[in-house]
Amino acid sequence: MHEMSIAEGIIQVLEEQAEAQQYSRVKTVWLEIGPLAMIETEALLFCFDAVTKNSLAEGAKLNIINIPGEAFCMQCLKTVPVEKRYDSCNACGSYQLQITQGEEMRIKELEVE
């Protein structure tokens, strides 16, 4: 379950930023995740609760913002939605797609004290 290591990485970023930005407690984390990031959100929520124990984010709420997947079709030159890595273009059927959005997983915003 790589969601545990992702949750631990989030806590590490929060701790580093707490030192740099001078905050002592995290109340809410907004996390953007694309469908191509291969992250199980329910597992991540569970792991986040587990790793925040005895940390500056203990009791913090993790809000997931799902961002859509998009790709540029090199055949018909359109930007099309994608849900899986090997989807075909819904305009022309080509598989020559270059992913432009949806692989991300990033902290978008924090509510801190």
PDB file of N, CA and C in Angstrom:
ATOM      1  N   MET A   1       0.846  -1.174   0.000  1.00  0.00           N
ATOM      2  CA  MET A   1       0.000   0.000   0.000  1.00  0.00           C
ATOM      3  C   MET A   1       0.895   1.241   0.000  1.00  0.00           C
ATOM      4  N   HIS A   2       1.061   1.850  -1.155  1.00  0.00           N
ATOM      5  CA  HIS A   2       1.917   3.031  -1.232  1.00  0.00           C
ATOM      6  C   HIS A   2       1.241   4.281  -0.685  1.00  0.00           C
ATOM      7  N   GLU A   3      -0.052   4.207  -0.384  1.00  0.00           N
ATOM      8  CA  GLU A   3      -0.752   5.342   0.206  1.00  0.00           C
ATOM      9  C   GLU A   3      -0.177   5.709   1.572  1.00  0.00           C
ATOM     10  N   MET A   4       0.337   4.713   2.305  1.00  0.00           N
ATOM     11  CA  MET A   4       0.946   4.995   3.612  1.00  0.00           C
ATOM     12  C   MET A   4       2.188   5.858   3.439  1.00  0.00           C
ATOM     13  N   SER A   5       3.041   5.511   2.478  1.00  0.00           N
ATOM     14  CA  SER A   5       4.244   6.325   2.261  1.00  0.00           C
ATOM     15  C   SER A   5       3.885   7.705   1.717  1.00  0.00           C
ATOM     16  N   ILE A   6       2.813   7.805   0.963  1.00  0.00           N
ATOM     17  CA  ILE A   6       2.359   9.114   0.484  1.00  0.00           C
ATOM     18  C   ILE A   6       1.895   9.965   1.662  1.00  0.00           C
ATOM     19  N   ALA A   7       1.117   9.372   2.558  1.00  0.00           N
ATOM     20  CA  ALA A   7       0.650  10.097   3.745  1.00  0.00           C
ATOM     21  C   ALA A   7       1.828  10.541   4.607  1.00  0.00           C
ATOM     22  N   GLU A   8       2.831   9.680   4.757  1.00  0.00           N
ATOM     23  CA  GLU A   8       4.026  10.052   5.520  1.00  0.00           C
ATOM     24  C   GLU A   8       4.767  11.195   4.840  1.00  0.00           C
ATOM     25  N   GLY A   9       4.805  11.183   3.522  1.00  0.00           N
ATOM     26  CA  GLY A   9       5.430  12.268   2.771  1.00  0.00           C
ATOM     27  C   GLY A   9       4.695  13.586   2.950  1.00  0.00           C
ATOM     28  N   ILE A  10       3.371  13.529   3.014  1.00  0.00           N
ATOM     29  CA  ILE A  10       2.582  14.741   3.248  1.00  0.00           C
ATOM     30  C   ILE A  10       2.929  15.323   4.615  1.00  0.00           C
ATOM     31  N   ILE A  11       3.005  14.468   5.630  1.00  0.00           N
ATOM     32  CA  ILE A  11       3.350  14.928   6.975  1.00  0.00           C
ATOM     33  C   ILE A  11       4.750  15.553   6.984  1.00  0.00           C
ATOM     34  N   GLN A  12       5.668  14.948   6.266  1.00  0.00           N
ATOM     35  CA  GLN A  12       7.028  15.497   6.194  1.00  0.00           C
ATOM     36  C   GLN A  12       7.015  16.894   5.577  1.00  0.00           C
ATOM     37  N   VAL A  13       6.247  17.080   4.517  1.00  0.00           N
ATOM     38  CA  VAL A  13       6.142  18.405   3.893  1.00  0.00           C
ATOM     39  C   VAL A  13       5.519  19.394   4.865  1.00  0.00           C
ATOM     40  N   LEU A  14       4.478  18.969   5.568  1.00  0.00           N
ATOM     41  CA  LEU A  14       3.825  19.854   6.533  1.00  0.00           C
ATOM     42  C   LEU A  14       4.792  20.289   7.634  1.00  0.00           C
ATOM     43  N   GLU A  15       5.602  19.354   8.111  1.00  0.00           N
ATOM     44  CA  GLU A  15       6.568  19.679   9.164  1.00  0.00           C
ATOM     45  C   GLU A  15       7.647  20.630   8.663  1.00  0.00           C
ATOM     46  N   GLU A  16       8.131  20.400   7.443  1.00  0.00           N
ATOM     47  CA  GLU A  16       9.132  21.299   6.863  1.00  0.00           C
ATOM     48  C   GLU A  16       8.571  22.703   6.682  1.00  0.00           C
ATOM     49  N   GLN A  17       7.338  22.776   6.193  1.00  0.00           N
ATOM     50  CA  GLN A  17       6.717  24.081   5.970  1.00  0.00           C
ATOM     51  C   GLN A  17       6.356  24.778   7.279  1.00  0.00           C
ATOM     52  N   ALA A  18       6.033  23.989   8.309  1.00  0.00           N
ATOM     53  CA  ALA A  18       5.731  24.579   9.620  1.00  0.00           C
ATOM     54  C   ALA A  18       6.936  25.341  10.147  1.00  0.00           C
ATOM     55  N   GLU A  19       8.109  24.775   9.951  1.00  0.00           N
ATOM     56  CA  GLU A  19       9.327  25.443  10.385  1.00  0.00           C
ATOM     57  C   GLU A  19       9.589  26.698   9.547  1.00  0.00           C
ATOM     58  N   ALA A  20       9.418  26.578   8.245  1.00  0.00           N
ATOM     59  CA  ALA A  20       9.694  27.709   7.352  1.00  0.00           C
ATOM     60  C   ALA A  20       8.643  28.815   7.468  1.00  0.00           C
ATOM     61  N   GLN A  21       7.380  28.436   7.638  1.00  0.00           N
ATOM     62  CA  GLN A  21       6.283  29.415   7.641  1.00  0.00           C
ATOM     63  C   GLN A  21       5.825  29.810   9.047  1.00  0.00           C
ATOM     64  N   GLN A  22       6.428  29.196  10.071  1.00  0.00           N
ATOM     65  CA  GLN A  22       6.133  29.535  11.467  1.00  0.00           C
ATOM     66  C   GLN A  22       4.683  29.262  11.870  1.00  0.00           C
ATOM     67  N   TYR A  23       4.212  28.039  11.629  1.00  0.00           N
ATOM     68  CA  TYR A  23       2.919  27.634  12.182  1.00  0.00           C
ATOM     69  C   TYR A  23       3.135  26.393  13.043  1.00  0.00           C
ATOM     70  N   SER A  24       2.196  26.167  13.956  1.00  0.00           N
ATOM     71  CA  SER A  24       2.379  25.072  14.915  1.00  0.00           C
ATOM     72  C   SER A  24       1.340  23.972  14.794  1.00  0.00           C
ATOM     73  N   ARG A  25       0.272  24.227  14.071  1.00  0.00           N
ATOM     74  CA  ARG A  25      -0.788  23.225  13.959  1.00  0.00           C
ATOM     75  C   ARG A  25      -1.444  23.312  12.592  1.00  0.00           C
ATOM     76  N   VAL A  26      -1.738  22.146  12.027  1.00  0.00           N
ATOM     77  CA  VAL A  26      -2.451  22.066  10.754  1.00  0.00           C
ATOM     78  C   VAL A  26      -3.870  21.618  11.054  1.00  0.00           C
ATOM     79  N   LYS A  27      -4.842  22.390  10.566  1.00  0.00           N
ATOM     80  CA  LYS A  27      -6.246  22.055  10.802  1.00  0.00           C
ATOM     81  C   LYS A  27      -6.874  21.347   9.599  1.00  0.00           C
ATOM     82  N   THR A  28      -6.525  21.783   8.396  1.00  0.00           N
ATOM     83  CA  THR A  28      -7.112  21.216   7.185  1.00  0.00           C
ATOM     84  C   THR A  28      -6.068  21.205   6.073  1.00  0.00           C
ATOM     85  N   VAL A  29      -6.087  20.133   5.301  1.00  0.00           N
ATOM     86  CA  VAL A  29      -5.219  19.998   4.128  1.00  0.00           C
ATOM     87  C   VAL A  29      -6.116  19.739   2.921  1.00  0.00           C
ATOM     88  N   TRP A  30      -5.931  20.521   1.864  1.00  0.00           N
ATOM     89  CA  TRP A  30      -6.624  20.276   0.598  1.00  0.00           C
ATOM     90  C   TRP A  30      -5.602  19.687  -0.357  1.00  0.00           C
ATOM     91  N   LEU A  31      -5.902  18.513  -0.863  1.00  0.00           N
ATOM     92  CA  LEU A  31      -4.979  17.768  -1.717  1.00  0.00           C
ATOM     93  C   LEU A  31      -5.627  17.526  -3.070  1.00  0.00           C
ATOM     94  N   GLU A  32      -4.959  17.955  -4.141  1.00  0.00           N
ATOM     95  CA  GLU A  32      -5.447  17.691  -5.499  1.00  0.00           C
ATOM     96  C   GLU A  32      -4.884  16.364  -5.971  1.00  0.00           C
ATOM     97  N   ILE A  33      -5.773  15.523  -6.510  1.00  0.00           N
ATOM     98  CA  ILE A  33      -5.349  14.221  -7.025  1.00  0.00           C
ATOM     99  C   ILE A  33      -6.027  13.980  -8.366  1.00  0.00           C
ATOM    100  N   GLY A  34      -5.233  13.607  -9.354  1.00  0.00           N
ATOM    101  CA  GLY A  34      -5.764  13.270 -10.666  1.00  0.00           C
ATOM    102  C   GLY A  34      -6.035  11.782 -10.772  1.00  0.00           C
ATOM    103  N   PRO A  35      -6.883  11.378 -11.704  1.00  0.00           N
ATOM    104  CA  PRO A  35      -7.230   9.961 -11.848  1.00  0.00           C
ATOM    105  C   PRO A  35      -6.068   9.091 -12.326  1.00  0.00           C
ATOM    106  N   LEU A  36      -5.051   9.701 -12.903  1.00  0.00           N
ATOM    107  CA  LEU A  36      -3.912   8.948 -13.409  1.00  0.00           C
ATOM    108  C   LEU A  36      -2.774   8.859 -12.399  1.00  0.00           C
ATOM    109  N   ALA A  37      -2.985   9.396 -11.196  1.00  0.00           N
ATOM    110  CA  ALA A  37      -1.962   9.361 -10.155  1.00  0.00           C
ATOM    111  C   ALA A  37      -1.888   7.994  -9.486  1.00  0.00           C
ATOM    112  N   MET A  38      -2.846   7.141  -9.764  1.00  0.00           N
ATOM    113  CA  MET A  38      -2.872   5.771  -9.226  1.00  0.00           C
ATOM    114  C   MET A  38      -2.882   5.768  -7.699  1.00  0.00           C
ATOM    115  N   ILE A  39      -3.736   6.606  -7.104  1.00  0.00           N
ATOM    116  CA  ILE A  39      -3.859   6.691  -5.656  1.00  0.00           C
ATOM    117  C   ILE A  39      -5.285   6.342  -5.275  1.00  0.00           C
ATOM    118  N   GLU A  40      -5.425   5.425  -4.348  1.00  0.00           N
ATOM    119  CA  GLU A  40      -6.728   5.040  -3.817  1.00  0.00           C
ATOM    120  C   GLU A  40      -7.071   6.037  -2.706  1.00  0.00           C
ATOM    121  N   THR A  41      -8.047   6.907  -2.953  1.00  0.00           N
ATOM    122  CA  THR A  41      -8.316   7.995  -2.015  1.00  0.00           C
ATOM    123  C   THR A  41      -8.802   7.503  -0.654  1.00  0.00           C
ATOM    124  N   GLU A  42      -9.615   6.461  -0.617  1.00  0.00           N
ATOM    125  CA  GLU A  42     -10.085   5.943   0.673  1.00  0.00           C
ATOM    126  C   GLU A  42      -8.916   5.423   1.505  1.00  0.00           C
ATOM    127  N   ALA A  43      -7.998   4.740   0.867  1.00  0.00           N
ATOM    128  CA  ALA A  43      -6.813   4.235   1.570  1.00  0.00           C
ATOM    129  C   ALA A  43      -5.946   5.397   2.048  1.00  0.00           C
ATOM    130  N   LEU A  44      -5.820   6.440   1.228  1.00  0.00           N
ATOM    131  CA  LEU A  44      -5.027   7.600   1.621  1.00  0.00           C
ATOM    132  C   LEU A  44      -5.655   8.307   2.826  1.00  0.00           C
ATOM    133  N   LEU A  45      -6.974   8.443   2.835  1.00  0.00           N
ATOM    134  CA  LEU A  45      -7.651   9.068   3.976  1.00  0.00           C
ATOM    135  C   LEU A  45      -7.398   8.274   5.253  1.00  0.00           C
ATOM    136  N   PHE A  46      -7.480   6.949   5.159  1.00  0.00           N
ATOM    137  CA  PHE A  46      -7.218   6.088   6.315  1.00  0.00           C
ATOM    138  C   PHE A  46      -5.773   6.246   6.794  1.00  0.00           C
ATOM    139  N   CYS A  47      -4.840   6.203   5.866  1.00  0.00           N
ATOM    140  CA  CYS A  47      -3.419   6.325   6.221  1.00  0.00           C
ATOM    141  C   CYS A  47      -3.100   7.698   6.792  1.00  0.00           C
ATOM    142  N   PHE A  48      -3.709   8.741   6.256  1.00  0.00           N
ATOM    143  CA  PHE A  48      -3.474  10.093   6.760  1.00  0.00           C
ATOM    144  C   PHE A  48      -3.884  10.183   8.229  1.00  0.00           C
ATOM    145  N   ASP A  49      -5.038   9.625   8.558  1.00  0.00           N
ATOM    146  CA  ASP A  49      -5.479   9.616   9.959  1.00  0.00           C
ATOM    147  C   ASP A  49      -4.479   8.881  10.841  1.00  0.00           C
ATOM    148  N   ALA A  50      -3.924   7.796  10.338  1.00  0.00           N
ATOM    149  CA  ALA A  50      -2.976   6.996  11.124  1.00  0.00           C
ATOM    150  C   ALA A  50      -1.652   7.736  11.344  1.00  0.00           C
ATOM    151  N   VAL A  51      -1.114   8.376  10.321  1.00  0.00           N
ATOM    152  CA  VAL A  51       0.209   9.001  10.449  1.00  0.00           C
ATOM    153  C   VAL A  51       0.174  10.368  11.118  1.00  0.00           C
ATOM    154  N   THR A  52      -1.002  10.956  11.257  1.00  0.00           N
ATOM    155  CA  THR A  52      -1.061  12.268  11.898  1.00  0.00           C
ATOM    156  C   THR A  52      -1.081  12.176  13.424  1.00  0.00           C
ATOM    157  N   LYS A  53      -1.218  10.989  13.973  1.00  0.00           N
ATOM    158  CA  LYS A  53      -1.201  10.831  15.431  1.00  0.00           C
ATOM    159  C   LYS A  53       0.110  11.373  15.988  1.00  0.00           C
ATOM    160  N   ASN A  54       0.005  12.183  17.037  1.00  0.00           N
ATOM    161  CA  ASN A  54       1.167  12.787  17.706  1.00  0.00           C
ATOM    162  C   ASN A  54       2.006  13.669  16.787  1.00  0.00           C
ATOM    163  N   SER A  55       1.366  14.313  15.830  1.00  0.00           N
ATOM    164  CA  SER A  55       2.077  15.233  14.932  1.00  0.00           C
ATOM    165  C   SER A  55       1.372  16.581  14.957  1.00  0.00           C
ATOM    166  N   LEU A  56       1.929  17.555  14.263  1.00  0.00           N
ATOM    167  CA  LEU A  56       1.304  18.866  14.198  1.00  0.00           C
ATOM    168  C   LEU A  56      -0.006  18.846  13.415  1.00  0.00           C
ATOM    169  N   ALA A  57      -0.305  17.724  12.748  1.00  0.00           N
ATOM    170  CA  ALA A  57      -1.538  17.601  11.974  1.00  0.00           C
ATOM    171  C   ALA A  57      -2.542  16.646  12.635  1.00  0.00           C
ATOM    172  N   GLU A  58      -2.315  16.314  13.907  1.00  0.00           N
ATOM    173  CA  GLU A  58      -3.246  15.406  14.580  1.00  0.00           C
ATOM    174  C   GLU A  58      -4.644  16.020  14.593  1.00  0.00           C
ATOM    175  N   GLY A  59      -5.615  15.252  14.137  1.00  0.00           N
ATOM    176  CA  GLY A  59      -6.991  15.726  14.060  1.00  0.00           C
ATOM    177  C   GLY A  59      -7.301  16.556  12.824  1.00  0.00           C
ATOM    178  N   ALA A  60      -6.318  16.773  11.984  1.00  0.00           N
ATOM    179  CA  ALA A  60      -6.536  17.584  10.774  1.00  0.00           C
ATOM    180  C   ALA A  60      -7.441  16.835   9.800  1.00  0.00           C
ATOM    181  N   LYS A  61      -8.188  17.606   9.043  1.00  0.00           N
ATOM    182  CA  LYS A  61      -9.071  17.040   8.026  1.00  0.00           C
ATOM    183  C   LYS A  61      -8.349  17.061   6.679  1.00  0.00           C
ATOM    184  N   LEU A  62      -8.421  15.957   5.960  1.00  0.00           N
ATOM    185  CA  LEU A  62      -7.842  15.873   4.619  1.00  0.00           C
ATOM    186  C   LEU A  62      -8.973  15.931   3.607  1.00  0.00           C
ATOM    187  N   ASN A  63      -8.999  16.998   2.814  1.00  0.00           N
ATOM    188  CA  ASN A  63     -10.002  17.161   1.763  1.00  0.00           C
ATOM    189  C   ASN A  63      -9.364  16.813   0.420  1.00  0.00           C
ATOM    190  N   ILE A  64      -9.999  15.923  -0.313  1.00  0.00           N
ATOM    191  CA  ILE A  64      -9.498  15.507  -1.625  1.00  0.00           C
ATOM    192  C   ILE A  64     -10.238  16.290  -2.704  1.00  0.00           C
ATOM    193  N   ILE A  65      -9.479  16.934  -3.571  1.00  0.00           N
ATOM    194  CA  ILE A  65     -10.027  17.623  -4.740  1.00  0.00           C
ATOM    195  C   ILE A  65      -9.650  16.781  -5.950  1.00  0.00           C
ATOM    196  N   ASN A  66     -10.648  16.191  -6.582  1.00  0.00           N
ATOM    197  CA  ASN A  66     -10.395  15.361  -7.765  1.00  0.00           C
ATOM    198  C   ASN A  66     -10.306  16.255  -8.994  1.00  0.00           C
ATOM    199  N   ILE A  67      -9.167  16.203  -9.670  1.00  0.00           N
ATOM    200  CA  ILE A  67      -9.005  16.981 -10.891  1.00  0.00           C
ATOM    201  C   ILE A  67      -9.129  16.025 -12.081  1.00  0.00           C
ATOM    202  N   PRO A  68      -9.668  16.482 -13.194  1.00  0.00           N
ATOM    203  CA  PRO A  68      -9.881  15.590 -14.338  1.00  0.00           C
ATOM    204  C   PRO A  68      -8.594  15.265 -15.081  1.00  0.00           C
ATOM    205  N   GLY A  69      -8.591  14.125 -15.723  1.00  0.00           N
ATOM    206  CA  GLY A  69      -7.489  13.754 -16.592  1.00  0.00           C
ATOM    207  C   GLY A  69      -7.720  14.323 -17.987  1.00  0.00           C
ATOM    208  N   GLU A  70      -6.656  14.805 -18.593  1.00  0.00           N
ATOM    209  CA  GLU A  70      -6.735  15.331 -19.954  1.00  0.00           C
ATOM    210  C   GLU A  70      -5.504  14.899 -20.735  1.00  0.00           C
ATOM    211  N   ALA A  71      -5.689  14.793 -22.036  1.00  0.00           N
ATOM    212  CA  ALA A  71      -4.573  14.447 -22.910  1.00  0.00           C
ATOM    213  C   ALA A  71      -4.716  15.192 -24.235  1.00  0.00           C
ATOM    214  N   PHE A  72      -3.576  15.414 -24.861  1.00  0.00           N
ATOM    215  CA  PHE A  72      -3.547  16.028 -26.183  1.00  0.00           C
ATOM    216  C   PHE A  72      -3.416  14.909 -27.197  1.00  0.00           C
ATOM    217  N   CYS A  73      -4.330  14.863 -28.144  1.00  0.00           N
ATOM    218  CA  CYS A  73      -4.288  13.840 -29.199  1.00  0.00           C
ATOM    219  C   CYS A  73      -3.388  14.332 -30.326  1.00  0.00           C
ATOM    220  N   MET A  74      -2.341  13.585 -30.588  1.00  0.00           N
ATOM    221  CA  MET A  74      -1.398  13.973 -31.640  1.00  0.00           C
ATOM    222  C   MET A  74      -1.938  13.677 -33.037  1.00  0.00           C
ATOM    223  N   GLN A  75      -3.026  12.916 -33.110  1.00  0.00           N
ATOM    224  CA  GLN A  75      -3.629  12.596 -34.409  1.00  0.00           C
ATOM    225  C   GLN A  75      -4.607  13.693 -34.848  1.00  0.00           C
ATOM    226  N   CYS A  76      -5.574  14.036 -33.985  1.00  0.00           N
ATOM    227  CA  CYS A  76      -6.590  15.022 -34.375  1.00  0.00           C
ATOM    228  C   CYS A  76      -6.347  16.410 -33.762  1.00  0.00           C
ATOM    229  N   LEU A  77      -5.289  16.530 -32.952  1.00  0.00           N
ATOM    230  CA  LEU A  77      -4.858  17.801 -32.363  1.00  0.00           C
ATOM    231  C   LEU A  77      -5.885  18.419 -31.401  1.00  0.00           C
ATOM    232  N   LYS A  78      -6.644  17.562 -30.719  1.00  0.00           N
ATOM    233  CA  LYS A  78      -7.624  18.032 -29.745  1.00  0.00           C
ATOM    234  C   LYS A  78      -7.185  17.642 -28.333  1.00  0.00           C
ATOM    235  N   THR A  79      -7.641  18.415 -27.362  1.00  0.00           N
ATOM    236  CA  THR A  79      -7.469  18.050 -25.961  1.00  0.00           C
ATOM    237  C   THR A  79      -8.719  17.298 -25.546  1.00  0.00           C
ATOM    238  N   VAL A  80      -8.532  16.094 -25.019  1.00  0.00           N
ATOM    239  CA  VAL A  80      -9.663  15.224 -24.701  1.00  0.00           C
ATOM    240  C   VAL A  80      -9.569  14.735 -23.254  1.00  0.00           C
ATOM    241  N   PRO A  81     -10.710  14.406 -22.662  1.00  0.00           N
ATOM    242  CA  PRO A  81     -10.682  13.857 -21.300  1.00  0.00           C
ATOM    243  C   PRO A  81     -10.210  12.405 -21.310  1.00  0.00           C
ATOM    244  N   VAL A  82      -9.476  12.007 -20.269  1.00  0.00           N
ATOM    245  CA  VAL A  82      -9.054  10.618 -20.102  1.00  0.00           C
ATOM    246  C   VAL A  82      -9.249  10.222 -18.640  1.00  0.00           C
ATOM    247  N   GLU A  83      -9.610   8.971 -18.429  1.00  0.00           N
ATOM    248  CA  GLU A  83      -9.777   8.455 -17.075  1.00  0.00           C
ATOM    249  C   GLU A  83      -8.707   7.439 -16.725  1.00  0.00           C
ATOM    250  N   LYS A  84      -8.164   6.774 -17.759  1.00  0.00           N
ATOM    251  CA  LYS A  84      -7.120   5.771 -17.563  1.00  0.00           C
ATOM    252  C   LYS A  84      -5.957   6.086 -18.495  1.00  0.00           C
ATOM    253  N   ARG A  85      -4.804   5.600 -18.118  1.00  0.00           N
ATOM    254  CA  ARG A  85      -3.590   5.892 -18.855  1.00  0.00           C
ATOM    255  C   ARG A  85      -3.657   5.482 -20.332  1.00  0.00           C
ATOM    256  N   TYR A  86      -4.301   4.388 -20.653  1.00  0.00           N
ATOM    257  CA  TYR A  86      -4.293   3.907 -22.039  1.00  0.00           C
ATOM    258  C   TYR A  86      -5.646   4.069 -22.721  1.00  0.00           C
ATOM    259  N   ASP A  87      -6.379   5.115 -22.354  1.00  0.00           N
ATOM    260  CA  ASP A  87      -7.623   5.435 -23.045  1.00  0.00           C
ATOM    261  C   ASP A  87      -7.310   5.876 -24.475  1.00  0.00           C
ATOM    262  N   SER A  88      -8.311   5.732 -25.330  1.00  0.00           N
ATOM    263  CA  SER A  88      -8.173   6.250 -26.696  1.00  0.00           C
ATOM    264  C   SER A  88      -8.826   7.621 -26.773  1.00  0.00           C
ATOM    265  N   CYS A  89      -8.530   8.339 -27.812  1.00  0.00           N
ATOM    266  CA  CYS A  89      -9.125   9.650 -28.046  1.00  0.00           C
ATOM    267  C   CYS A  89     -10.619   9.465 -28.301  1.00  0.00           C
ATOM    268  N   ASN A  90     -11.441  10.202 -27.575  1.00  0.00           N
ATOM    269  CA  ASN A  90     -12.876  10.062 -27.789  1.00  0.00           C
ATOM    270  C   ASN A  90     -13.350  10.811 -29.034  1.00  0.00           C
ATOM    271  N   ALA A  91     -12.466  11.567 -29.680  1.00  0.00           N
ATOM    272  CA  ALA A  91     -12.825  12.280 -30.902  1.00  0.00           C
ATOM    273  C   ALA A  91     -12.494  11.474 -32.156  1.00  0.00           C
ATOM    274  N   CYS A  92     -11.303  10.823 -32.175  1.00  0.00           N
ATOM    275  CA  CYS A  92     -10.894  10.127 -33.404  1.00  0.00           C
ATOM    276  C   CYS A  92     -10.531   8.664 -33.186  1.00  0.00           C
ATOM    277  N   GLY A  93     -10.423   8.228 -31.921  1.00  0.00           N
ATOM    278  CA  GLY A  93     -10.104   6.834 -31.631  1.00  0.00           C
ATOM    279  C   GLY A  93      -8.619   6.514 -31.561  1.00  0.00           C
ATOM    280  N   SER A  94      -7.772   7.488 -31.790  1.00  0.00           N
ATOM    281  CA  SER A  94      -6.332   7.271 -31.773  1.00  0.00           C
ATOM    282  C   SER A  94      -5.841   6.994 -30.351  1.00  0.00           C
ATOM    283  N   TYR A  95      -4.750   6.252 -30.270  1.00  0.00           N
ATOM    284  CA  TYR A  95      -4.100   6.009 -28.982  1.00  0.00           C
ATOM    285  C   TYR A  95      -2.838   6.861 -28.831  1.00  0.00           C
ATOM    286  N   GLN A  96      -2.621   7.781 -29.740  1.00  0.00           N
ATOM    287  CA  GLN A  96      -1.457   8.661 -29.681  1.00  0.00           C
ATOM    288  C   GLN A  96      -1.779   9.881 -28.823  1.00  0.00           C
ATOM    289  N   LEU A  97      -1.898   9.639 -27.526  1.00  0.00           N
ATOM    290  CA  LEU A  97      -2.259  10.694 -26.591  1.00  0.00           C
ATOM    291  C   LEU A  97      -1.077  11.052 -25.707  1.00  0.00           C
ATOM    292  N   GLN A  98      -0.923  12.319 -25.462  1.00  0.00           N
ATOM    293  CA  GLN A  98       0.088  12.813 -24.538  1.00  0.00           C
ATOM    294  C   GLN A  98      -0.662  13.396 -23.336  1.00  0.00           C
ATOM    295  N   ILE A  99      -0.461  12.796 -22.175  1.00  0.00           N
ATOM    296  CA  ILE A  99      -1.148  13.236 -20.965  1.00  0.00           C
ATOM    297  C   ILE A  99      -0.714  14.657 -20.620  1.00  0.00           C
ATOM    298  N   THR A 100      -1.685  15.540 -20.384  1.00  0.00           N
ATOM    299  CA  THR A 100      -1.381  16.919 -20.016  1.00  0.00           C
ATOM    300  C   THR A 100      -1.857  17.265 -18.607  1.00  0.00           C
ATOM    301  N   GLN A 101      -2.770  16.475 -18.069  1.00  0.00           N
ATOM    302  CA  GLN A 101      -3.285  16.729 -16.723  1.00  0.00           C
ATOM    303  C   GLN A 101      -3.881  15.447 -16.163  1.00  0.00           C
ATOM    304  N   GLY A 102      -3.733  15.266 -14.857  1.00  0.00           N
ATOM    305  CA  GLY A 102      -4.367  14.125 -14.205  1.00  0.00           C
ATOM    306  C   GLY A 102      -3.404  13.200 -13.497  1.00  0.00           C
ATOM    307  N   GLU A 103      -2.095  13.423 -13.659  1.00  0.00           N
ATOM    308  CA  GLU A 103      -1.095  12.613 -12.966  1.00  0.00           C
ATOM    309  C   GLU A 103      -0.690  13.251 -11.639  1.00  0.00           C
ATOM    310  N   GLU A 104      -1.210  14.447 -11.371  1.00  0.00           N
ATOM    311  CA  GLU A 104      -0.775  15.226 -10.225  1.00  0.00           C
ATOM    312  C   GLU A 104      -1.296  14.676  -8.896  1.00  0.00           C
ATOM    313  N   MET A 105      -0.523  14.940  -7.887  1.00  0.00           N
ATOM    314  CA  MET A 105      -0.949  14.819  -6.507  1.00  0.00           C
ATOM    315  C   MET A 105      -0.173  15.907  -5.790  1.00  0.00           C
ATOM    316  N   ARG A 106      -0.874  16.949  -5.359  1.00  0.00           N
ATOM    317  CA  ARG A 106      -0.169  18.066  -4.732  1.00  0.00           C
ATOM    318  C   ARG A 106      -1.026  18.692  -3.648  1.00  0.00           C
ATOM    319  N   ILE A 107      -0.342  19.246  -2.686  1.00  0.00           N
ATOM    320  CA  ILE A 107      -1.017  19.993  -1.631  1.00  0.00           C
ATOM    321  C   ILE A 107      -1.409  21.338  -2.226  1.00  0.00           C
ATOM    322  N   LYS A 108      -2.685  21.601  -2.269  1.00  0.00           N
ATOM    323  CA  LYS A 108      -3.171  22.853  -2.856  1.00  0.00           C
ATOM    324  C   LYS A 108      -3.255  23.954  -1.816  1.00  0.00           C
ATOM    325  N   GLU A 109      -3.726  23.603  -0.608  1.00  0.00           N
ATOM    326  CA  GLU A 109      -3.963  24.639   0.384  1.00  0.00           C
ATOM    327  C   GLU A 109      -3.910  24.030   1.784  1.00  0.00           C
ATOM    328  N   LEU A 110      -3.570  24.863   2.753  1.00  0.00           N
ATOM    329  CA  LEU A 110      -3.541  24.454   4.156  1.00  0.00           C
ATOM    330  C   LEU A 110      -4.292  25.468   5.001  1.00  0.00           C
ATOM    331  N   GLU A 111      -4.936  24.966   6.045  1.00  0.00           N
ATOM    332  CA  GLU A 111      -5.482  25.838   7.078  1.00  0.00           C
ATOM    333  C   GLU A 111      -4.647  25.542   8.323  1.00  0.00           C
ATOM    334  N   VAL A 112      -3.954  26.552   8.828  1.00  0.00           N
ATOM    335  CA  VAL A 112      -3.005  26.354   9.922  1.00  0.00           C
ATOM    336  C   VAL A 112      -3.238  27.383  11.029  1.00  0.00           C
ATOM    337  N   GLU A 113      -2.603  27.089  12.165  1.00  0.00           N
ATOM    338  CA  GLU A 113      -2.598  28.037  13.286  1.00  0.00           C
ATOM    339  C   GLU A 113      -1.168  28.351  13.650  1.00  0.00           C
TER     340      GLU A 113
END
